[in-house]
Amino acid sequence: MDVVYRVEGMSCGGCVNSVTRAIQAVAPSAVVSVELETKRVTVTGIDDDDMIRQAVENAGFDFGGRI
């Protein structure tokens, strides 16, 4: 199942890597795809909004919730 989230504050490839690593740290089996231009993060393999929110916020970005 794919879940799409809005994540604000990403502005470069480093941000993409930070968000991806943060999510994969809490959900190692998840597949993460980040679209920098649209601020969308697609997560496949986990359906836990609170876990994703905490990972994103701990990485220093604003979690906008599911799209």
PDB file of N, CA and C in Angstrom:
ATOM      1  N   MET A   1       0.840  -1.182   0.000  1.00  0.00           N
ATOM      2  CA  MET A   1       0.000   0.000   0.000  1.00  0.00           C
ATOM      3  C   MET A   1       0.886   1.246   0.000  1.00  0.00           C
ATOM      4  N   ASP A   2       0.584   2.168  -0.871  1.00  0.00           N
ATOM      5  CA  ASP A   2       1.296   3.446  -0.927  1.00  0.00           C
ATOM      6  C   ASP A   2       0.542   4.493  -0.107  1.00  0.00           C
ATOM      7  N   VAL A   3       1.279   5.211   0.710  1.00  0.00           N
ATOM      8  CA  VAL A   3       0.707   6.325   1.462  1.00  0.00           C
ATOM      9  C   VAL A   3       1.515   7.562   1.094  1.00  0.00           C
ATOM     10  N   VAL A   4       0.818   8.643   0.746  1.00  0.00           N
ATOM     11  CA  VAL A   4       1.480   9.873   0.312  1.00  0.00           C
ATOM     12  C   VAL A   4       1.300  10.939   1.384  1.00  0.00           C
ATOM     13  N   TYR A   5       2.413  11.575   1.730  1.00  0.00           N
ATOM     14  CA  TYR A   5       2.417  12.622   2.748  1.00  0.00           C
ATOM     15  C   TYR A   5       2.961  13.923   2.155  1.00  0.00           C
ATOM     16  N   ARG A   6       2.564  15.022   2.764  1.00  0.00           N
ATOM     17  CA  ARG A   6       3.128  16.320   2.397  1.00  0.00           C
ATOM     18  C   ARG A   6       4.180  16.649   3.452  1.00  0.00           C
ATOM     19  N   VAL A   7       5.371  17.016   2.982  1.00  0.00           N
ATOM     20  CA  VAL A   7       6.467  17.381   3.885  1.00  0.00           C
ATOM     21  C   VAL A   7       7.026  18.720   3.433  1.00  0.00           C
ATOM     22  N   GLU A   8       6.922  19.710   4.286  1.00  0.00           N
ATOM     23  CA  GLU A   8       7.401  21.054   3.984  1.00  0.00           C
ATOM     24  C   GLU A   8       8.822  21.239   4.507  1.00  0.00           C
ATOM     25  N   GLY A   9       9.539  22.157   3.876  1.00  0.00           N
ATOM     26  CA  GLY A   9      10.871  22.517   4.341  1.00  0.00           C
ATOM     27  C   GLY A   9      11.990  21.872   3.545  1.00  0.00           C
ATOM     28  N   MET A  10      11.651  21.014   2.592  1.00  0.00           N
ATOM     29  CA  MET A  10      12.683  20.390   1.761  1.00  0.00           C
ATOM     30  C   MET A  10      13.029  21.339   0.619  1.00  0.00           C
ATOM     31  N   SER A  11      14.338  21.544   0.396  1.00  0.00           N
ATOM     32  CA  SER A  11      14.726  22.476  -0.661  1.00  0.00           C
ATOM     33  C   SER A  11      15.856  21.968  -1.554  1.00  0.00           C
ATOM     34  N   CYS A  12      16.394  20.768  -1.232  1.00  0.00           N
ATOM     35  CA  CYS A  12      17.532  20.282  -2.018  1.00  0.00           C
ATOM     36  C   CYS A  12      17.631  18.764  -1.923  1.00  0.00           C
ATOM     37  N   GLY A  13      18.586  18.223  -2.638  1.00  0.00           N
ATOM     38  CA  GLY A  13      18.813  16.790  -2.620  1.00  0.00           C
ATOM     39  C   GLY A  13      19.214  16.277  -1.249  1.00  0.00           C
ATOM     40  N   GLY A  14      19.922  17.098  -0.501  1.00  0.00           N
ATOM     41  CA  GLY A  14      20.290  16.711   0.858  1.00  0.00           C
ATOM     42  C   GLY A  14      19.074  16.533   1.745  1.00  0.00           C
ATOM     43  N   CYS A  15      18.085  17.390   1.546  1.00  0.00           N
ATOM     44  CA  CYS A  15      16.834  17.283   2.298  1.00  0.00           C
ATOM     45  C   CYS A  15      16.114  15.984   1.941  1.00  0.00           C
ATOM     46  N   VAL A  16      16.101  15.673   0.659  1.00  0.00           N
ATOM     47  CA  VAL A  16      15.483  14.428   0.192  1.00  0.00           C
ATOM     48  C   VAL A  16      16.151  13.242   0.874  1.00  0.00           C
ATOM     49  N   ASN A  17      17.478  13.251   0.900  1.00  0.00           N
ATOM     50  CA  ASN A  17      18.215  12.161   1.542  1.00  0.00           C
ATOM     51  C   ASN A  17      17.929  12.093   3.036  1.00  0.00           C
ATOM     52  N   SER A  18      17.828  13.236   3.686  1.00  0.00           N
ATOM     53  CA  SER A  18      17.561  13.266   5.126  1.00  0.00           C
ATOM     54  C   SER A  18      16.190  12.677   5.453  1.00  0.00           C
ATOM     55  N   VAL A  19      15.184  13.061   4.688  1.00  0.00           N
ATOM     56  CA  VAL A  19      13.837  12.547   4.913  1.00  0.00           C
ATOM     57  C   VAL A  19      13.792  11.042   4.635  1.00  0.00           C
ATOM     58  N   THR A  20      14.404  10.638   3.552  1.00  0.00           N
ATOM     59  CA  THR A  20      14.422   9.215   3.200  1.00  0.00           C
ATOM     60  C   THR A  20      15.097   8.395   4.289  1.00  0.00           C
ATOM     61  N   ARG A  21      16.265   8.825   4.738  1.00  0.00           N
ATOM     62  CA  ARG A  21      16.997   8.101   5.782  1.00  0.00           C
ATOM     63  C   ARG A  21      16.225   8.067   7.101  1.00  0.00           C
ATOM     64  N   ALA A  22      15.576   9.178   7.441  1.00  0.00           N
ATOM     65  CA  ALA A  22      14.826   9.244   8.699  1.00  0.00           C
ATOM     66  C   ALA A  22      13.673   8.243   8.703  1.00  0.00           C
ATOM     67  N   ILE A  23      12.967   8.164   7.589  1.00  0.00           N
ATOM     68  CA  ILE A  23      11.843   7.220   7.518  1.00  0.00           C
ATOM     69  C   ILE A  23      12.355   5.784   7.509  1.00  0.00           C
ATOM     70  N   GLN A  24      13.400   5.522   6.748  1.00  0.00           N
ATOM     71  CA  GLN A  24      13.924   4.167   6.677  1.00  0.00           C
ATOM     72  C   GLN A  24      14.567   3.736   7.995  1.00  0.00           C
ATOM     73  N   ALA A  25      14.980   4.675   8.814  1.00  0.00           N
ATOM     74  CA  ALA A  25      15.539   4.334  10.122  1.00  0.00           C
ATOM     75  C   ALA A  25      14.475   3.748  11.046  1.00  0.00           C
ATOM     76  N   VAL A  26      13.239   4.245  10.938  1.00  0.00           N
ATOM     77  CA  VAL A  26      12.158   3.733  11.793  1.00  0.00           C
ATOM     78  C   VAL A  26      11.378   2.611  11.119  1.00  0.00           C
ATOM     79  N   ALA A  27      11.514   2.499   9.801  1.00  0.00           N
ATOM     80  CA  ALA A  27      10.809   1.460   9.039  1.00  0.00           C
ATOM     81  C   ALA A  27      11.746   0.929   7.960  1.00  0.00           C
ATOM     82  N   PRO A  28      12.707   0.086   8.339  1.00  0.00           N
ATOM     83  CA  PRO A  28      13.735  -0.364   7.394  1.00  0.00           C
ATOM     84  C   PRO A  28      13.201  -1.048   6.141  1.00  0.00           C
ATOM     85  N   SER A  29      12.045  -1.667   6.214  1.00  0.00           N
ATOM     86  CA  SER A  29      11.504  -2.364   5.043  1.00  0.00           C
ATOM     87  C   SER A  29      10.706  -1.438   4.124  1.00  0.00           C
ATOM     88  N   ALA A  30      10.497  -0.190   4.534  1.00  0.00           N
ATOM     89  CA  ALA A  30       9.706   0.749   3.733  1.00  0.00           C
ATOM     90  C   ALA A  30      10.473   1.194   2.493  1.00  0.00           C
ATOM     91  N   VAL A  31       9.729   1.417   1.437  1.00  0.00           N
ATOM     92  CA  VAL A  31      10.277   2.019   0.221  1.00  0.00           C
ATOM     93  C   VAL A  31       9.810   3.473   0.226  1.00  0.00           C
ATOM     94  N   VAL A  32      10.756   4.398   0.136  1.00  0.00           N
ATOM     95  CA  VAL A  32      10.453   5.826   0.237  1.00  0.00           C
ATOM     96  C   VAL A  32      10.804   6.511  -1.072  1.00  0.00           C
ATOM     97  N   SER A  33       9.866   7.303  -1.577  1.00  0.00           N
ATOM     98  CA  SER A  33      10.083   8.081  -2.793  1.00  0.00           C
ATOM     99  C   SER A  33       9.707   9.529  -2.498  1.00  0.00           C
ATOM    100  N   VAL A  34      10.644  10.437  -2.755  1.00  0.00           N
ATOM    101  CA  VAL A  34      10.424  11.847  -2.439  1.00  0.00           C
ATOM    102  C   VAL A  34      10.395  12.667  -3.728  1.00  0.00           C
ATOM    103  N   GLU A  35       9.363  13.494  -3.872  1.00  0.00           N
ATOM    104  CA  GLU A  35       9.254  14.425  -4.996  1.00  0.00           C
ATOM    105  C   GLU A  35       9.491  15.829  -4.440  1.00  0.00           C
ATOM    106  N   LEU A  36      10.683  16.333  -4.654  1.00  0.00           N
ATOM    107  CA  LEU A  36      11.081  17.612  -4.079  1.00  0.00           C
ATOM    108  C   LEU A  36      10.184  18.755  -4.538  1.00  0.00           C
ATOM    109  N   GLU A  37       9.872  18.796  -5.824  1.00  0.00           N
ATOM    110  CA  GLU A  37       9.104  19.918  -6.378  1.00  0.00           C
ATOM    111  C   GLU A  37       7.692  20.012  -5.798  1.00  0.00           C
ATOM    112  N   THR A  38       7.056  18.852  -5.550  1.00  0.00           N
ATOM    113  CA  THR A  38       5.681  18.860  -5.054  1.00  0.00           C
ATOM    114  C   THR A  38       5.598  18.685  -3.541  1.00  0.00           C
ATOM    115  N   LYS A  39       6.761  18.461  -2.905  1.00  0.00           N
ATOM    116  CA  LYS A  39       6.835  18.259  -1.450  1.00  0.00           C
ATOM    117  C   LYS A  39       6.064  17.016  -1.016  1.00  0.00           C
ATOM    118  N   ARG A  40       6.040  16.002  -1.880  1.00  0.00           N
ATOM    119  CA  ARG A  40       5.330  14.770  -1.576  1.00  0.00           C
ATOM    120  C   ARG A  40       6.316  13.650  -1.271  1.00  0.00           C
ATOM    121  N   VAL A  41       5.961  12.884  -0.260  1.00  0.00           N
ATOM    122  CA  VAL A  41       6.755  11.721   0.116  1.00  0.00           C
ATOM    123  C   VAL A  41       5.821  10.513   0.069  1.00  0.00           C
ATOM    124  N   THR A  42       6.168   9.552  -0.762  1.00  0.00           N
ATOM    125  CA  THR A  42       5.383   8.326  -0.875  1.00  0.00           C
ATOM    126  C   THR A  42       6.103   7.225  -0.118  1.00  0.00           C
ATOM    127  N   VAL A  43       5.365   6.562   0.764  1.00  0.00           N
ATOM    128  CA  VAL A  43       5.934   5.483   1.571  1.00  0.00           C
ATOM    129  C   VAL A  43       5.155   4.208   1.264  1.00  0.00           C
ATOM    130  N   THR A  44       5.882   3.182   0.887  1.00  0.00           N
ATOM    131  CA  THR A  44       5.285   1.885   0.596  1.00  0.00           C
ATOM    132  C   THR A  44       5.785   0.885   1.624  1.00  0.00           C
ATOM    133  N   GLY A  45       4.873   0.134   2.184  1.00  0.00           N
ATOM    134  CA  GLY A  45       5.267  -0.927   3.092  1.00  0.00           C
ATOM    135  C   GLY A  45       5.002  -0.652   4.555  1.00  0.00           C
ATOM    136  N   ILE A  46       4.523   0.533   4.877  1.00  0.00           N
ATOM    137  CA  ILE A  46       4.167   0.856   6.263  1.00  0.00           C
ATOM    138  C   ILE A  46       3.009   1.847   6.244  1.00  0.00           C
ATOM    139  N   ASP A  47       2.102   1.668   7.189  1.00  0.00           N
ATOM    140  CA  ASP A  47       0.911   2.514   7.254  1.00  0.00           C
ATOM    141  C   ASP A  47       0.747   3.026   8.689  1.00  0.00           C
ATOM    142  N   ASP A  48       1.753   3.752   9.166  1.00  0.00           N
ATOM    143  CA  ASP A  48       1.745   4.257  10.536  1.00  0.00           C
ATOM    144  C   ASP A  48       2.062   5.749  10.497  1.00  0.00           C
ATOM    145  N   ASP A  49       1.010   6.551  10.432  1.00  0.00           N
ATOM    146  CA  ASP A  49       1.178   7.999  10.296  1.00  0.00           C
ATOM    147  C   ASP A  49       2.003   8.598  11.427  1.00  0.00           C
ATOM    148  N   ASP A  50       1.785   8.153  12.661  1.00  0.00           N
ATOM    149  CA  ASP A  50       2.511   8.720  13.797  1.00  0.00           C
ATOM    150  C   ASP A  50       4.002   8.440  13.702  1.00  0.00           C
ATOM    151  N   MET A  51       4.356   7.237  13.280  1.00  0.00           N
ATOM    152  CA  MET A  51       5.769   6.878  13.151  1.00  0.00           C
ATOM    153  C   MET A  51       6.439   7.725  12.072  1.00  0.00           C
ATOM    154  N   ILE A  52       5.753   7.907  10.951  1.00  0.00           N
ATOM    155  CA  ILE A  52       6.298   8.704   9.854  1.00  0.00           C
ATOM    156  C   ILE A  52       6.409  10.163  10.287  1.00  0.00           C
ATOM    157  N   ARG A  53       5.383  10.668  10.941  1.00  0.00           N
ATOM    158  CA  ARG A  53       5.405  12.066  11.420  1.00  0.00           C
ATOM    159  C   ARG A  53       6.596  12.302  12.332  1.00  0.00           C
ATOM    160  N   GLN A  54       6.796  11.422  13.290  1.00  0.00           N
ATOM    161  CA  GLN A  54       7.908  11.587  14.227  1.00  0.00           C
ATOM    162  C   GLN A  54       9.254  11.555  13.509  1.00  0.00           C
ATOM    163  N   ALA A  55       9.407  10.646  12.565  1.00  0.00           N
ATOM    164  CA  ALA A  55      10.670  10.548  11.822  1.00  0.00           C
ATOM    165  C   ALA A  55      10.934  11.830  11.048  1.00  0.00           C
ATOM    166  N   VAL A  56       9.903  12.342  10.362  1.00  0.00           N
ATOM    167  CA  VAL A  56      10.048  13.561   9.551  1.00  0.00           C
ATOM    168  C   VAL A  56      10.367  14.758  10.443  1.00  0.00           C
ATOM    169  N   GLU A  57       9.633  14.900  11.536  1.00  0.00           N
ATOM    170  CA  GLU A  57       9.855  16.036  12.431  1.00  0.00           C
ATOM    171  C   GLU A  57      11.215  15.942  13.137  1.00  0.00           C
ATOM    172  N   ASN A  58      11.637  14.747  13.497  1.00  0.00           N
ATOM    173  CA  ASN A  58      12.951  14.577  14.132  1.00  0.00           C
ATOM    174  C   ASN A  58      14.083  14.919  13.160  1.00  0.00           C
ATOM    175  N   ALA A  59      13.804  14.788  11.856  1.00  0.00           N
ATOM    176  CA  ALA A  59      14.799  15.155  10.835  1.00  0.00           C
ATOM    177  C   ALA A  59      14.794  16.658  10.577  1.00  0.00           C
ATOM    178  N   GLY A  60      13.857  17.383  11.189  1.00  0.00           N
ATOM    179  CA  GLY A  60      13.830  18.841  11.068  1.00  0.00           C
ATOM    180  C   GLY A  60      12.887  19.392  10.016  1.00  0.00           C
ATOM    181  N   PHE A  61      11.928  18.586   9.577  1.00  0.00           N
ATOM    182  CA  PHE A  61      10.995  19.043   8.545  1.00  0.00           C
ATOM    183  C   PHE A  61       9.573  19.079   9.077  1.00  0.00           C
ATOM    184  N   ASP A  62       8.707  19.820   8.388  1.00  0.00           N
ATOM    185  CA  ASP A  62       7.313  19.974   8.809  1.00  0.00           C
ATOM    186  C   ASP A  62       6.462  18.910   8.132  1.00  0.00           C
ATOM    187  N   PHE A  63       5.770  18.132   8.962  1.00  0.00           N
ATOM    188  CA  PHE A  63       4.912  17.062   8.480  1.00  0.00           C
ATOM    189  C   PHE A  63       3.527  17.625   8.223  1.00  0.00           C
ATOM    190  N   GLY A  64       3.054  17.517   6.981  1.00  0.00           N
ATOM    191  CA  GLY A  64       1.766  18.072   6.622  1.00  0.00           C
ATOM    192  C   GLY A  64       0.638  17.061   6.603  1.00  0.00           C
ATOM    193  N   GLY A  65       0.947  15.805   6.885  1.00  0.00           N
ATOM    194  CA  GLY A  65      -0.088  14.779   6.913  1.00  0.00           C
ATOM    195  C   GLY A  65      -0.275  14.107   5.563  1.00  0.00           C
ATOM    196  N   ARG A  66      -1.254  13.225   5.554  1.00  0.00           N
ATOM    197  CA  ARG A  66      -1.566  12.484   4.330  1.00  0.00           C
ATOM    198  C   ARG A  66      -2.178  13.390   3.279  1.00  0.00           C
ATOM    199  N   ILE A  67      -1.898  13.045   2.043  1.00  0.00           N
ATOM    200  CA  ILE A  67      -2.499  13.764   0.918  1.00  0.00           C
ATOM    201  C   ILE A  67      -3.571  12.863   0.345  1.00  0.00           C
TER     202      ILE A  67
END
